[in-house]
Amino acid sequence: MSLPYALDFTEDPADGWIAVPILEGRGADRQRRKWAKKSAELHCALLSDGGSRDKSQEKELARVLEAFSEQFPQKIPMQHLFAYAPDLRKDLLPFFFYGTPSEGPVEQVLDTLVQRNEPGAAQDPQIVDFTTDNLGKGLRSIRHFVPKGGEALCMSVNYGWRVDSYGIDLSMRTISDDIGWMSANIDEFDAFARTLKVVDPSDIVVD
C-alpha cells in the first residue's frame, strides 16, 4: 500500500536537478509537452550562467524531457521523479521515490530499501548510515550488478529512510551503466538528499 505525500526542500537544490511531473489521463500529452518546453528553457538558462543559450540544445532537451516524463512512470513504480542533468552531454539520470506506511523493525526495512540482500549483486553493496535532520534514520548503498537479461555492469545508488514525523518508509533510487560518472557524482546525490523533506501535499504551493 502506498500513500500520498509530497517532497519539498530546506533549500533550493543545485542547478542540475529537475522535478519531473508524473502525468496521466486526458490532456497529459499536452501538459507534458508544455512542461518540457518550459523546463528546458529554464534549465538551459541556468546552465548558461547568463550567457547566450543554444536554441538547438534547448529544443533537444525539451524532447528528451518529454520522453523521460512519459517513459519511466510506465516502467517503474514511483510516486515522485527527478532528473539529474548537470551536463547536457550526458543522459538524464532518473531518481525514483516511493513511500509506504512505516511497518516492521526499522533495521530490516532499511536493509530492504537499500537492497542489502537483493540477489544478483557483483559484490557486497557498500552501505553507510544516511540519517538526516529532515528525514530521520536512514541508509545509503552503492550496489554493482548486471541486470536480468543485460550484459553491462550497472550501478545503483539506493537511499532509504524511516520518516517518523510522517509515518512512512521512503526510498530514493537511481541506476546507470555509466559507473564512472555516477561514482564521481555521489557527493551531489548526497547533498540533494540532505535537503529533502516530506510534507503534506496540501502544503505545496504551485507557482
Protein backbone atom coordinates (compact mmCIF):
# COMPACT_ATOMS: atom_id res chain seq x y z
CA MET A 1 0.00 0.00 0.00
CA SER A 2 1.30 3.45 -0.92
CA LEU A 3 0.14 6.82 0.32
CA PRO A 4 0.05 10.43 -0.85
CA TYR A 5 2.90 12.64 0.29
CA ALA A 6 4.92 15.47 -1.19
CA LEU A 7 8.60 16.30 -1.30
CA ASP A 8 9.96 19.73 -0.52
CA PHE A 9 13.38 21.19 0.25
CA THR A 10 15.02 23.06 3.10
CA GLU A 11 16.98 24.96 0.45
CA ASP A 12 16.89 25.10 -3.34
CA PRO A 13 18.65 22.12 -4.96
CA ALA A 14 21.67 22.74 -7.17
CA ASP A 15 21.02 23.75 -10.78
CA GLY A 16 21.42 20.19 -12.10
CA TRP A 17 18.13 18.90 -10.68
CA ILE A 18 14.76 18.89 -12.48
CA ALA A 19 11.46 17.84 -10.85
CA VAL A 20 9.60 15.70 -13.39
CA PRO A 21 5.79 15.51 -13.31
CA ILE A 22 4.02 12.15 -13.44
CA LEU A 23 1.08 12.89 -15.72
CA GLU A 24 -1.78 10.60 -16.68
CA GLY A 25 -5.22 10.80 -18.20
CA ARG A 26 -6.83 13.21 -20.60
CA GLY A 27 -4.62 16.11 -21.62
CA ALA A 28 -1.45 14.54 -20.20
CA ASP A 29 0.42 14.70 -23.52
CA ARG A 30 -0.25 18.41 -23.93
CA GLN A 31 0.69 19.15 -20.30
CA ARG A 32 3.87 17.12 -20.67
CA ARG A 33 4.88 18.92 -23.85
CA LYS A 34 4.24 22.33 -22.28
CA TRP A 35 6.17 21.39 -19.11
CA ALA A 36 9.13 20.01 -21.09
CA LYS A 37 9.46 23.16 -23.21
CA LYS A 38 9.36 25.49 -20.20
CA SER A 39 11.72 23.30 -18.12
CA ALA A 40 14.24 23.08 -20.98
CA GLU A 41 14.26 26.87 -21.31
CA LEU A 42 14.80 27.38 -17.57
CA HIS A 43 17.41 24.64 -17.25
CA CYS A 44 19.47 25.81 -20.22
CA ALA A 45 19.31 29.38 -18.91
CA LEU A 46 20.68 28.21 -15.54
CA LEU A 47 23.47 26.20 -17.13
CA SER A 48 24.43 29.06 -19.46
CA ASP A 49 25.03 31.25 -16.37
CA GLY A 50 23.83 34.38 -18.11
CA GLY A 51 25.50 33.64 -21.45
CA SER A 52 23.77 33.08 -24.78
CA ARG A 53 21.60 29.95 -24.90
CA ASP A 54 21.95 27.26 -27.54
CA LYS A 55 18.43 27.05 -29.00
CA SER A 56 19.06 23.70 -30.68
CA GLN A 57 20.28 22.27 -27.37
CA GLU A 58 17.23 23.71 -25.65
CA LYS A 59 14.92 22.10 -28.21
CA GLU A 60 16.66 18.74 -27.86
CA LEU A 61 16.43 18.88 -24.06
CA ALA A 62 12.70 19.56 -24.32
CA ARG A 63 12.31 16.49 -26.49
CA VAL A 64 14.34 14.36 -24.08
CA LEU A 65 12.44 15.64 -21.04
CA GLU A 66 9.09 14.93 -22.65
CA ALA A 67 10.11 11.34 -23.42
CA PHE A 68 11.65 10.97 -19.95
CA SER A 69 8.42 12.07 -18.24
CA GLU A 70 6.36 9.64 -20.30
CA GLN A 71 8.70 6.62 -20.22
CA PHE A 72 9.72 5.97 -16.64
CA PRO A 73 6.37 6.06 -14.79
CA GLN A 74 5.16 3.33 -17.14
CA LYS A 75 8.13 1.06 -16.32
CA ILE A 76 8.95 1.57 -12.64
CA PRO A 77 6.69 2.01 -9.58
CA MET A 78 7.20 5.53 -8.24
CA GLN A 79 5.37 8.47 -6.73
CA HIS A 80 7.92 11.20 -7.48
CA LEU A 81 10.59 11.52 -10.15
CA PHE A 82 13.60 13.80 -10.56
CA ALA A 83 16.19 14.07 -13.32
CA TYR A 84 19.81 14.91 -12.62
CA ALA A 85 21.22 16.87 -15.56
CA PRO A 86 24.27 18.97 -14.68
CA ASP A 87 25.90 18.15 -18.03
CA LEU A 88 23.70 18.02 -21.14
CA ARG A 89 26.29 15.89 -22.92
CA LYS A 90 25.26 13.08 -20.56
CA ASP A 91 21.99 11.16 -20.46
CA LEU A 92 19.50 12.34 -17.87
CA LEU A 93 19.84 10.34 -14.67
CA PRO A 94 16.48 9.37 -13.12
CA PHE A 95 15.84 9.40 -9.37
CA PHE A 96 12.77 7.44 -8.29
CA PHE A 97 10.90 7.93 -5.00
CA TYR A 98 8.46 5.53 -3.36
CA GLY A 99 6.93 5.72 0.11
CA THR A 100 4.85 3.24 2.11
CA PRO A 101 3.37 3.40 5.62
CA SER A 102 6.01 2.54 8.22
CA GLU A 103 5.71 -1.09 9.29
CA GLY A 104 8.10 -3.57 10.91
CA PRO A 105 11.54 -3.22 12.54
CA VAL A 106 13.34 -0.19 11.15
CA GLU A 107 16.66 -2.01 10.57
CA GLN A 108 15.04 -4.70 8.43
CA VAL A 109 13.02 -2.19 6.46
CA LEU A 110 16.04 0.00 5.72
CA ASP A 111 18.06 -3.05 4.62
CA THR A 112 15.29 -3.87 2.15
CA LEU A 113 15.07 -0.30 0.85
CA VAL A 114 18.80 -0.16 0.10
CA GLN A 115 18.84 -3.71 -1.33
CA ARG A 116 21.37 -5.07 1.15
CA ASN A 117 20.45 -8.70 0.44
CA GLU A 118 18.99 -8.35 -3.06
CA PRO A 119 20.31 -11.26 -5.21
CA GLY A 120 22.45 -10.65 -8.26
CA ALA A 121 25.00 -8.19 -6.85
CA ALA A 122 28.51 -8.47 -8.27
CA GLN A 123 29.86 -7.85 -4.75
CA ASP A 124 28.51 -6.88 -1.34
CA PRO A 125 26.86 -3.43 -1.51
CA GLN A 126 28.69 -0.55 0.13
CA ILE A 127 26.29 0.63 2.84
CA VAL A 128 26.66 3.66 5.10
CA ASP A 129 24.45 5.47 7.60
CA PHE A 130 22.49 8.27 5.96
CA THR A 131 20.36 9.69 8.75
CA THR A 132 19.30 13.30 8.10
CA ASP A 133 17.68 16.00 10.23
CA ASN A 134 14.75 16.22 7.82
CA LEU A 135 14.02 12.57 7.05
CA GLY A 136 15.27 10.69 10.10
CA LYS A 137 17.07 7.35 10.34
CA GLY A 138 18.42 6.15 7.02
CA LEU A 139 20.97 4.23 4.96
CA ARG A 140 22.62 4.68 1.57
CA SER A 141 24.00 1.84 -0.54
CA ILE A 142 26.10 1.65 -3.68
CA ARG A 143 25.41 -1.60 -5.50
CA HIS A 144 27.01 -3.12 -8.63
CA PHE A 145 25.11 -5.73 -10.62
CA VAL A 146 24.25 -6.99 -14.10
CA PRO A 147 20.52 -6.53 -14.81
CA LYS A 148 18.49 -9.58 -15.73
CA GLY A 149 18.76 -10.06 -19.47
CA GLY A 150 21.56 -7.48 -19.71
CA GLU A 151 25.29 -7.66 -20.26
CA ALA A 152 26.73 -4.37 -18.99
CA LEU A 153 27.63 -3.93 -15.34
CA CYS A 154 25.36 -1.33 -13.74
CA MET A 155 25.48 0.66 -10.56
CA SER A 156 22.58 1.71 -8.38
CA VAL A 157 22.61 4.22 -5.55
CA ASN A 158 19.83 3.46 -3.08
CA TYR A 159 18.66 5.55 -0.14
CA GLY A 160 16.11 4.56 2.49
CA TRP A 161 14.63 6.40 5.46
CA ARG A 162 12.06 5.87 8.16
CA VAL A 163 10.32 9.23 8.33
CA ASP A 164 8.77 9.03 11.80
CA SER A 165 7.27 12.52 11.64
CA TYR A 166 5.12 11.44 8.70
CA GLY A 167 4.82 7.70 9.37
CA ILE A 168 6.36 6.49 6.12
CA ASP A 169 9.32 4.48 4.88
CA LEU A 170 10.80 6.31 1.90
CA SER A 171 13.18 5.12 -0.81
CA MET A 172 15.18 7.18 -3.31
CA ARG A 173 16.97 5.24 -6.05
CA THR A 174 18.90 5.73 -9.27
CA ILE A 175 20.65 3.40 -11.70
CA SER A 176 23.04 3.70 -14.67
CA ASP A 177 25.70 1.77 -16.56
CA ASP A 178 27.90 4.89 -16.62
CA ILE A 179 29.62 3.81 -13.42
CA GLY A 180 32.50 6.28 -13.53
CA TRP A 181 30.24 9.30 -13.92
CA MET A 182 27.85 8.03 -11.24
CA SER A 183 30.73 7.47 -8.82
CA ALA A 184 32.07 10.98 -9.45
CA ASN A 185 28.68 12.49 -8.53
CA ILE A 186 27.88 10.67 -5.28
CA ASP A 187 28.56 13.82 -3.24
CA GLU A 188 26.00 15.72 -5.35
CA PHE A 189 23.42 12.96 -4.84
CA ASP A 190 24.05 13.06 -1.10
CA ALA A 191 23.76 16.85 -0.97
CA PHE A 192 20.43 16.69 -2.80
CA ALA A 193 19.12 14.01 -0.43
CA ARG A 194 20.08 16.06 2.63
CA THR A 195 17.89 18.96 1.51
CA LEU A 196 14.79 16.78 1.10
CA LYS A 197 11.87 16.81 3.48
CA VAL A 198 8.45 15.13 3.44
CA VAL A 199 5.38 17.36 3.67
CA ASP A 200 1.64 17.06 3.24
CA PRO A 201 0.62 17.60 -0.42
CA SER A 202 -1.64 20.49 0.64
CA ASP A 203 1.44 22.36 1.91
CA ILE A 204 2.98 22.61 -1.57
CA VAL A 205 2.35 25.94 -3.30
CA VAL A 206 2.39 25.78 -7.08
CA ASP A 207 3.72 28.90 -8.80
